[in-house]
Amino acid sequence: MLSDELMNYSSDPNLIQFAQNNMTGDNGAVTGLWGSAYNGIYQANAILEGVSKSTGMSDAVKKQVTGEAEFVRAFWHFYLVNLFGDVLW
């Protein structure tokens, strides 16, 4: 739980693990969050690769799309690091 002032009223064992700060590797909520984050990072990387190979985009659009994709990738990484500590991308 992101704060000690939140109360867990759920009976879901996966969410109880969050409340007790004792998560296991088979926790569905953790694997879902992890998978979503890495899917977002993968998509941002795919966009960056596509932009670098593009011949039909202007330089201004390439810079804008590159900046947006790098922000999204960093955003997901920020959340993973804050939730799990050091992570690899």
PDB file of N, CA and C in Angstrom:
ATOM      1  N   MET A   1       0.862  -1.155   0.000  1.00  0.00           N
ATOM      2  CA  MET A   1       0.000   0.000   0.000  1.00  0.00           C
ATOM      3  C   MET A   1       0.913   1.223   0.000  1.00  0.00           C
ATOM      4  N   LEU A   2       0.528   2.222  -0.716  1.00  0.00           N
ATOM      5  CA  LEU A   2       1.401   3.362  -0.894  1.00  0.00           C
ATOM      6  C   LEU A   2       1.392   4.319   0.294  1.00  0.00           C
ATOM      7  N   SER A   3       0.583   4.060   1.280  1.00  0.00           N
ATOM      8  CA  SER A   3       0.546   4.910   2.462  1.00  0.00           C
ATOM      9  C   SER A   3       0.132   4.080   3.665  1.00  0.00           C
ATOM     10  N   ASP A   4       0.626   4.445   4.829  1.00  0.00           N
ATOM     11  CA  ASP A   4       0.231   3.721   6.033  1.00  0.00           C
ATOM     12  C   ASP A   4      -1.138   4.170   6.535  1.00  0.00           C
ATOM     13  N   GLU A   5      -1.746   5.139   5.871  1.00  0.00           N
ATOM     14  CA  GLU A   5      -3.051   5.623   6.287  1.00  0.00           C
ATOM     15  C   GLU A   5      -4.190   4.957   5.519  1.00  0.00           C
ATOM     16  N   LEU A   6      -3.880   4.092   4.583  1.00  0.00           N
ATOM     17  CA  LEU A   6      -4.913   3.389   3.836  1.00  0.00           C
ATOM     18  C   LEU A   6      -5.266   2.093   4.543  1.00  0.00           C
ATOM     19  N   MET A   7      -6.526   1.759   4.521  1.00  0.00           N
ATOM     20  CA  MET A   7      -6.984   0.509   5.132  1.00  0.00           C
ATOM     21  C   MET A   7      -7.424  -0.445   4.027  1.00  0.00           C
ATOM     22  N   ASN A   8      -7.031  -1.675   4.128  1.00  0.00           N
ATOM     23  CA  ASN A   8      -7.432  -2.685   3.162  1.00  0.00           C
ATOM     24  C   ASN A   8      -8.681  -3.393   3.681  1.00  0.00           C
ATOM     25  N   TYR A   9      -9.764  -3.281   2.935  1.00  0.00           N
ATOM     26  CA  TYR A   9     -11.007  -3.954   3.300  1.00  0.00           C
ATOM     27  C   TYR A   9     -11.318  -5.100   2.343  1.00  0.00           C
ATOM     28  N   SER A  10     -10.362  -5.442   1.526  1.00  0.00           N
ATOM     29  CA  SER A  10     -10.554  -6.498   0.538  1.00  0.00           C
ATOM     30  C   SER A  10     -10.301  -7.865   1.155  1.00  0.00           C
ATOM     31  N   SER A  11     -11.006  -8.853   0.628  1.00  0.00           N
ATOM     32  CA  SER A  11     -10.737 -10.231   1.034  1.00  0.00           C
ATOM     33  C   SER A  11      -9.911 -10.955  -0.026  1.00  0.00           C
ATOM     34  N   ASP A  12      -9.521 -10.232  -1.073  1.00  0.00           N
ATOM     35  CA  ASP A  12      -8.712 -10.794  -2.149  1.00  0.00           C
ATOM     36  C   ASP A  12      -7.300 -11.044  -1.628  1.00  0.00           C
ATOM     37  N   PRO A  13      -6.836 -12.312  -1.655  1.00  0.00           N
ATOM     38  CA  PRO A  13      -5.499 -12.620  -1.132  1.00  0.00           C
ATOM     39  C   PRO A  13      -4.384 -11.834  -1.815  1.00  0.00           C
ATOM     40  N   ASN A  14      -4.540 -11.537  -3.120  1.00  0.00           N
ATOM     41  CA  ASN A  14      -3.525 -10.766  -3.830  1.00  0.00           C
ATOM     42  C   ASN A  14      -3.414  -9.355  -3.265  1.00  0.00           C
ATOM     43  N   LEU A  15      -4.540  -8.735  -2.946  1.00  0.00           N
ATOM     44  CA  LEU A  15      -4.520  -7.375  -2.414  1.00  0.00           C
ATOM     45  C   LEU A  15      -4.094  -7.353  -0.952  1.00  0.00           C
ATOM     46  N   ILE A  16      -4.404  -8.398  -0.220  1.00  0.00           N
ATOM     47  CA  ILE A  16      -3.950  -8.491   1.174  1.00  0.00           C
ATOM     48  C   ILE A  16      -2.428  -8.518   1.227  1.00  0.00           C
ATOM     49  N   GLN A  17      -1.799  -9.188   0.247  1.00  0.00           N
ATOM     50  CA  GLN A  17      -0.333  -9.205   0.198  1.00  0.00           C
ATOM     51  C   GLN A  17       0.222  -7.797   0.036  1.00  0.00           C
ATOM     52  N   PHE A  18      -0.443  -6.953  -0.753  1.00  0.00           N
ATOM     53  CA  PHE A  18      -0.013  -5.562  -0.880  1.00  0.00           C
ATOM     54  C   PHE A  18      -0.124  -4.851   0.464  1.00  0.00           C
ATOM     55  N   ALA A  19      -1.243  -5.045   1.154  1.00  0.00           N
ATOM     56  CA  ALA A  19      -1.476  -4.362   2.431  1.00  0.00           C
ATOM     57  C   ALA A  19      -0.442  -4.780   3.474  1.00  0.00           C
ATOM     58  N   GLN A  20      -0.011  -6.027   3.411  1.00  0.00           N
ATOM     59  CA  GLN A  20       0.953  -6.540   4.382  1.00  0.00           C
ATOM     60  C   GLN A  20       2.392  -6.370   3.904  1.00  0.00           C
ATOM     61  N   ASN A  21       2.556  -5.787   2.707  1.00  0.00           N
ATOM     62  CA  ASN A  21       3.873  -5.599   2.105  1.00  0.00           C
ATOM     63  C   ASN A  21       4.653  -6.916   2.081  1.00  0.00           C
ATOM     64  N   ASN A  22       3.963  -7.951   1.644  1.00  0.00           N
ATOM     65  CA  ASN A  22       4.526  -9.293   1.627  1.00  0.00           C
ATOM     66  C   ASN A  22       4.038 -10.010   0.366  1.00  0.00           C
ATOM     67  N   MET A  23       4.465  -9.505  -0.800  1.00  0.00           N
ATOM     68  CA  MET A  23       3.976 -10.042  -2.058  1.00  0.00           C
ATOM     69  C   MET A  23       4.819 -11.225  -2.513  1.00  0.00           C
ATOM     70  N   THR A  24       4.161 -12.172  -3.141  1.00  0.00           N
ATOM     71  CA  THR A  24       4.842 -13.334  -3.686  1.00  0.00           C
ATOM     72  C   THR A  24       4.903 -13.222  -5.201  1.00  0.00           C
ATOM     73  N   GLY A  25       5.745 -14.021  -5.805  1.00  0.00           N
ATOM     74  CA  GLY A  25       5.929 -13.975  -7.245  1.00  0.00           C
ATOM     75  C   GLY A  25       4.722 -14.417  -8.048  1.00  0.00           C
ATOM     76  N   ASP A  26       3.810 -15.155  -7.433  1.00  0.00           N
ATOM     77  CA  ASP A  26       2.634 -15.620  -8.160  1.00  0.00           C
ATOM     78  C   ASP A  26       1.410 -14.737  -7.926  1.00  0.00           C
ATOM     79  N   ASN A  27       1.604 -13.559  -7.361  1.00  0.00           N
ATOM     80  CA  ASN A  27       0.515 -12.627  -7.118  1.00  0.00           C
ATOM     81  C   ASN A  27       0.035 -12.076  -8.456  1.00  0.00           C
ATOM     82  N   GLY A  28      -1.230 -12.312  -8.783  1.00  0.00           N
ATOM     83  CA  GLY A  28      -1.771 -11.890 -10.073  1.00  0.00           C
ATOM     84  C   GLY A  28      -1.765 -10.388 -10.272  1.00  0.00           C
ATOM     85  N   ALA A  29      -1.970  -9.635  -9.200  1.00  0.00           N
ATOM     86  CA  ALA A  29      -1.951  -8.173  -9.313  1.00  0.00           C
ATOM     87  C   ALA A  29      -0.552  -7.680  -9.667  1.00  0.00           C
ATOM     88  N   VAL A  30       0.466  -8.312  -9.112  1.00  0.00           N
ATOM     89  CA  VAL A  30       1.853  -7.918  -9.396  1.00  0.00           C
ATOM     90  C   VAL A  30       2.207  -8.277 -10.833  1.00  0.00           C
ATOM     91  N   THR A  31       1.885  -9.489 -11.246  1.00  0.00           N
ATOM     92  CA  THR A  31       2.228  -9.895 -12.612  1.00  0.00           C
ATOM     93  C   THR A  31       1.473  -9.057 -13.639  1.00  0.00           C
ATOM     94  N   GLY A  32       0.235  -8.666 -13.320  1.00  0.00           N
ATOM     95  CA  GLY A  32      -0.517  -7.811 -14.230  1.00  0.00           C
ATOM     96  C   GLY A  32       0.109  -6.429 -14.363  1.00  0.00           C
ATOM     97  N   LEU A  33       0.494  -5.862 -13.241  1.00  0.00           N
ATOM     98  CA  LEU A  33       1.137  -4.548 -13.253  1.00  0.00           C
ATOM     99  C   LEU A  33       2.473  -4.613 -13.974  1.00  0.00           C
ATOM    100  N   TRP A  34       3.260  -5.611 -13.659  1.00  0.00           N
ATOM    101  CA  TRP A  34       4.576  -5.797 -14.280  1.00  0.00           C
ATOM    102  C   TRP A  34       4.429  -5.965 -15.794  1.00  0.00           C
ATOM    103  N   GLY A  35       3.478  -6.806 -16.198  1.00  0.00           N
ATOM    104  CA  GLY A  35       3.258  -7.046 -17.621  1.00  0.00           C
ATOM    105  C   GLY A  35       2.802  -5.801 -18.359  1.00  0.00           C
ATOM    106  N   SER A  36       1.901  -5.036 -17.742  1.00  0.00           N
ATOM    107  CA  SER A  36       1.432  -3.797 -18.364  1.00  0.00           C
ATOM    108  C   SER A  36       2.575  -2.806 -18.531  1.00  0.00           C
ATOM    109  N   ALA A  37       3.396  -2.685 -17.521  1.00  0.00           N
ATOM    110  CA  ALA A  37       4.513  -1.738 -17.586  1.00  0.00           C
ATOM    111  C   ALA A  37       5.495  -2.135 -18.688  1.00  0.00           C
ATOM    112  N   TYR A  38       5.856  -3.392 -18.734  1.00  0.00           N
ATOM    113  CA  TYR A  38       6.816  -3.807 -19.757  1.00  0.00           C
ATOM    114  C   TYR A  38       6.202  -3.791 -21.148  1.00  0.00           C
ATOM    115  N   ASN A  39       4.897  -3.970 -21.263  1.00  0.00           N
ATOM    116  CA  ASN A  39       4.234  -3.821 -22.552  1.00  0.00           C
ATOM    117  C   ASN A  39       4.323  -2.364 -23.009  1.00  0.00           C
ATOM    118  N   GLY A  40       4.107  -1.419 -22.088  1.00  0.00           N
ATOM    119  CA  GLY A  40       4.241  -0.006 -22.425  1.00  0.00           C
ATOM    120  C   GLY A  40       5.656   0.357 -22.832  1.00  0.00           C
ATOM    121  N   ILE A  41       6.641  -0.189 -22.128  1.00  0.00           N
ATOM    122  CA  ILE A  41       8.047   0.057 -22.476  1.00  0.00           C
ATOM    123  C   ILE A  41       8.361  -0.537 -23.847  1.00  0.00           C
ATOM    124  N   TYR A  42       7.858  -1.745 -24.108  1.00  0.00           N
ATOM    125  CA  TYR A  42       8.067  -2.387 -25.410  1.00  0.00           C
ATOM    126  C   TYR A  42       7.473  -1.536 -26.537  1.00  0.00           C
ATOM    127  N   GLN A  43       6.246  -1.038 -26.325  1.00  0.00           N
ATOM    128  CA  GLN A  43       5.604  -0.225 -27.360  1.00  0.00           C
ATOM    129  C   GLN A  43       6.372   1.076 -27.602  1.00  0.00           C
ATOM    130  N   ALA A  44       6.847   1.702 -26.526  1.00  0.00           N
ATOM    131  CA  ALA A  44       7.637   2.924 -26.688  1.00  0.00           C
ATOM    132  C   ALA A  44       8.915   2.632 -27.474  1.00  0.00           C
ATOM    133  N   ASN A  45       9.574   1.514 -27.172  1.00  0.00           N
ATOM    134  CA  ASN A  45      10.780   1.137 -27.909  1.00  0.00           C
ATOM    135  C   ASN A  45      10.472   0.860 -29.378  1.00  0.00           C
ATOM    136  N   ALA A  46       9.323   0.237 -29.646  1.00  0.00           N
ATOM    137  CA  ALA A  46       8.935  -0.038 -31.034  1.00  0.00           C
ATOM    138  C   ALA A  46       8.700   1.270 -31.791  1.00  0.00           C
ATOM    139  N   ILE A  47       8.086   2.233 -31.124  1.00  0.00           N
ATOM    140  CA  ILE A  47       7.878   3.538 -31.759  1.00  0.00           C
ATOM    141  C   ILE A  47       9.220   4.203 -32.049  1.00  0.00           C
ATOM    142  N   LEU A  48      10.124   4.168 -31.088  1.00  0.00           N
ATOM    143  CA  LEU A  48      11.443   4.782 -31.292  1.00  0.00           C
ATOM    144  C   LEU A  48      12.185   4.132 -32.464  1.00  0.00           C
ATOM    145  N   GLU A  49      12.074   2.824 -32.555  1.00  0.00           N
ATOM    146  CA  GLU A  49      12.726   2.124 -33.678  1.00  0.00           C
ATOM    147  C   GLU A  49      12.084   2.520 -35.005  1.00  0.00           C
ATOM    148  N   GLY A  50      10.755   2.596 -35.017  1.00  0.00           N
ATOM    149  CA  GLY A  50      10.062   2.984 -36.247  1.00  0.00           C
ATOM    150  C   GLY A  50      10.387   4.404 -36.678  1.00  0.00           C
ATOM    151  N   VAL A  51      10.458   5.306 -35.725  1.00  0.00           N
ATOM    152  CA  VAL A  51      10.780   6.699 -36.045  1.00  0.00           C
ATOM    153  C   VAL A  51      12.195   6.797 -36.598  1.00  0.00           C
ATOM    154  N   SER A  52      13.121   6.060 -36.014  1.00  0.00           N
ATOM    155  CA  SER A  52      14.506   6.148 -36.490  1.00  0.00           C
ATOM    156  C   SER A  52      14.654   5.617 -37.912  1.00  0.00           C
ATOM    157  N   LYS A  53      13.781   4.711 -38.325  1.00  0.00           N
ATOM    158  CA  LYS A  53      13.858   4.144 -39.679  1.00  0.00           C
ATOM    159  C   LYS A  53      12.968   4.869 -40.676  1.00  0.00           C
ATOM    160  N   SER A  54      12.147   5.784 -40.198  1.00  0.00           N
ATOM    161  CA  SER A  54      11.182   6.449 -41.062  1.00  0.00           C
ATOM    162  C   SER A  54      11.858   7.411 -42.026  1.00  0.00           C
ATOM    163  N   THR A  55      11.355   7.391 -43.260  1.00  0.00           N
ATOM    164  CA  THR A  55      11.846   8.348 -44.255  1.00  0.00           C
ATOM    165  C   THR A  55      10.748   9.335 -44.641  1.00  0.00           C
ATOM    166  N   GLY A  56       9.527   9.112 -44.162  1.00  0.00           N
ATOM    167  CA  GLY A  56       8.409   9.973 -44.544  1.00  0.00           C
ATOM    168  C   GLY A  56       8.016  11.000 -43.494  1.00  0.00           C
ATOM    169  N   MET A  57       8.723  11.039 -42.388  1.00  0.00           N
ATOM    170  CA  MET A  57       8.389  12.001 -41.330  1.00  0.00           C
ATOM    171  C   MET A  57       9.353  13.177 -41.382  1.00  0.00           C
ATOM    172  N   SER A  58       8.820  14.362 -41.111  1.00  0.00           N
ATOM    173  CA  SER A  58       9.703  15.538 -41.049  1.00  0.00           C
ATOM    174  C   SER A  58      10.539  15.456 -39.774  1.00  0.00           C
ATOM    175  N   ASP A  59      11.616  16.212 -39.754  1.00  0.00           N
ATOM    176  CA  ASP A  59      12.487  16.212 -38.573  1.00  0.00           C
ATOM    177  C   ASP A  59      11.745  16.707 -37.338  1.00  0.00           C
ATOM    178  N   ALA A  60      10.866  17.686 -37.514  1.00  0.00           N
ATOM    179  CA  ALA A  60      10.115  18.227 -36.372  1.00  0.00           C
ATOM    180  C   ALA A  60       9.193  17.169 -35.780  1.00  0.00           C
ATOM    181  N   VAL A  61       8.529  16.412 -36.626  1.00  0.00           N
ATOM    182  CA  VAL A  61       7.628  15.365 -36.147  1.00  0.00           C
ATOM    183  C   VAL A  61       8.432  14.232 -35.515  1.00  0.00           C
ATOM    184  N   LYS A  62       9.563  13.893 -36.108  1.00  0.00           N
ATOM    185  CA  LYS A  62      10.426  12.860 -35.524  1.00  0.00           C
ATOM    186  C   LYS A  62      10.858  13.247 -34.116  1.00  0.00           C
ATOM    187  N   LYS A  63      11.259  14.510 -33.919  1.00  0.00           N
ATOM    188  CA  LYS A  63      11.682  14.967 -32.600  1.00  0.00           C
ATOM    189  C   LYS A  63      10.528  14.906 -31.602  1.00  0.00           C
ATOM    190  N   GLN A  64       9.339  15.316 -32.043  1.00  0.00           N
ATOM    191  CA  GLN A  64       8.190  15.305 -31.146  1.00  0.00           C
ATOM    192  C   GLN A  64       7.818  13.885 -30.744  1.00  0.00           C
ATOM    193  N   VAL A  65       7.694  12.993 -31.715  1.00  0.00           N
ATOM    194  CA  VAL A  65       7.310  11.606 -31.423  1.00  0.00           C
ATOM    195  C   VAL A  65       8.385  10.918 -30.589  1.00  0.00           C
ATOM    196  N   THR A  66       9.642  11.190 -30.880  1.00  0.00           N
ATOM    197  CA  THR A  66      10.728  10.612 -30.092  1.00  0.00           C
ATOM    198  C   THR A  66      10.641  11.071 -28.647  1.00  0.00           C
ATOM    199  N   GLY A  67      10.434  12.353 -28.440  1.00  0.00           N
ATOM    200  CA  GLY A  67      10.307  12.876 -27.079  1.00  0.00           C
ATOM    201  C   GLY A  67       9.127  12.272 -26.334  1.00  0.00           C
ATOM    202  N   GLU A  68       8.001  12.130 -27.015  1.00  0.00           N
ATOM    203  CA  GLU A  68       6.819  11.544 -26.376  1.00  0.00           C
ATOM    204  C   GLU A  68       7.052  10.078 -26.016  1.00  0.00           C
ATOM    205  N   ALA A  69       7.653   9.320 -26.920  1.00  0.00           N
ATOM    206  CA  ALA A  69       7.906   7.904 -26.653  1.00  0.00           C
ATOM    207  C   ALA A  69       8.928   7.731 -25.532  1.00  0.00           C
ATOM    208  N   GLU A  70       9.958   8.576 -25.512  1.00  0.00           N
ATOM    209  CA  GLU A  70      10.942   8.494 -24.427  1.00  0.00           C
ATOM    210  C   GLU A  70      10.313   8.862 -23.082  1.00  0.00           C
ATOM    211  N   PHE A  71       9.374   9.809 -23.088  1.00  0.00           N
ATOM    212  CA  PHE A  71       8.683  10.159 -21.851  1.00  0.00           C
ATOM    213  C   PHE A  71       7.854   8.980 -21.344  1.00  0.00           C
ATOM    214  N   VAL A  72       7.099   8.351 -22.230  1.00  0.00           N
ATOM    215  CA  VAL A  72       6.254   7.214 -21.829  1.00  0.00           C
ATOM    216  C   VAL A  72       7.115   6.083 -21.284  1.00  0.00           C
ATOM    217  N   ARG A  73       8.214   5.810 -21.950  1.00  0.00           N
ATOM    218  CA  ARG A  73       9.119   4.763 -21.481  1.00  0.00           C
ATOM    219  C   ARG A  73       9.680   5.099 -20.100  1.00  0.00           C
ATOM    220  N   ALA A  74      10.097   6.328 -19.898  1.00  0.00           N
ATOM    221  CA  ALA A  74      10.635   6.752 -18.605  1.00  0.00           C
ATOM    222  C   ALA A  74       9.548   6.746 -17.528  1.00  0.00           C
ATOM    223  N   PHE A  75       8.333   7.092 -17.891  1.00  0.00           N
ATOM    224  CA  PHE A  75       7.209   7.091 -16.959  1.00  0.00           C
ATOM    225  C   PHE A  75       6.966   5.687 -16.402  1.00  0.00           C
ATOM    226  N   TRP A  76       6.918   4.693 -17.301  1.00  0.00           N
ATOM    227  CA  TRP A  76       6.734   3.310 -16.843  1.00  0.00           C
ATOM    228  C   TRP A  76       7.905   2.854 -15.991  1.00  0.00           C
ATOM    229  N   HIS A  77       9.105   3.210 -16.395  1.00  0.00           N
ATOM    230  CA  HIS A  77      10.289   2.812 -15.636  1.00  0.00           C
ATOM    231  C   HIS A  77      10.272   3.449 -14.252  1.00  0.00           C
ATOM    232  N   PHE A  78       9.859   4.700 -14.164  1.00  0.00           N
ATOM    233  CA  PHE A  78       9.739   5.407 -12.884  1.00  0.00           C
ATOM    234  C   PHE A  78       8.815   4.646 -11.936  1.00  0.00           C
ATOM    235  N   TYR A  79       7.667   4.230 -12.441  1.00  0.00           N
ATOM    236  CA  TYR A  79       6.736   3.492 -11.583  1.00  0.00           C
ATOM    237  C   TYR A  79       7.288   2.137 -11.167  1.00  0.00           C
ATOM    238  N   LEU A  80       7.942   1.432 -12.067  1.00  0.00           N
ATOM    239  CA  LEU A  80       8.521   0.141 -11.711  1.00  0.00           C
ATOM    240  C   LEU A  80       9.596   0.297 -10.641  1.00  0.00           C
ATOM    241  N   VAL A  81      10.446   1.300 -10.791  1.00  0.00           N
ATOM    242  CA  VAL A  81      11.513   1.519  -9.817  1.00  0.00           C
ATOM    243  C   VAL A  81      10.920   1.889  -8.454  1.00  0.00           C
ATOM    244  N   ASN A  82       9.882   2.722  -8.443  1.00  0.00           N
ATOM    245  CA  ASN A  82       9.277   3.119  -7.178  1.00  0.00           C
ATOM    246  C   ASN A  82       8.552   1.965  -6.497  1.00  0.00           C
ATOM    247  N   LEU A  83       8.025   1.042  -7.267  1.00  0.00           N
ATOM    248  CA  LEU A  83       7.312  -0.096  -6.678  1.00  0.00           C
ATOM    249  C   LEU A  83       8.231  -1.265  -6.341  1.00  0.00           C
ATOM    250  N   PHE A  84       9.246  -1.510  -7.172  1.00  0.00           N
ATOM    251  CA  PHE A  84      10.037  -2.738  -7.036  1.00  0.00           C
ATOM    252  C   PHE A  84      11.524  -2.509  -6.795  1.00  0.00           C
ATOM    253  N   GLY A  85      12.003  -1.288  -6.839  1.00  0.00           N
ATOM    254  CA  GLY A  85      13.437  -1.054  -6.720  1.00  0.00           C
ATOM    255  C   GLY A  85      14.082  -1.102  -8.094  1.00  0.00           C
ATOM    256  N   ASP A  86      15.371  -1.409  -8.142  1.00  0.00           N
ATOM    257  CA  ASP A  86      16.093  -1.448  -9.409  1.00  0.00           C
ATOM    258  C   ASP A  86      15.477  -2.459 -10.359  1.00  0.00           C
ATOM    259  N   VAL A  87      15.195  -2.024 -11.578  1.00  0.00           N
ATOM    260  CA  VAL A  87      14.682  -2.910 -12.629  1.00  0.00           C
ATOM    261  C   VAL A  87      15.487  -2.676 -13.891  1.00  0.00           C
ATOM    262  N   LEU A  88      15.496  -3.651 -14.750  1.00  0.00           N
ATOM    263  CA  LEU A  88      16.195  -3.542 -16.032  1.00  0.00           C
ATOM    264  C   LEU A  88      15.194  -3.181 -17.105  1.00  0.00           C
ATOM    265  N   TRP A  89      15.630  -2.451 -18.078  1.00  0.00           N
ATOM    266  CA  TRP A  89      14.776  -2.244 -19.218  1.00  0.00           C
ATOM    267  C   TRP A  89      15.399  -2.789 -20.400  1.00  0.00           C
TER     268      TRP A  89
END
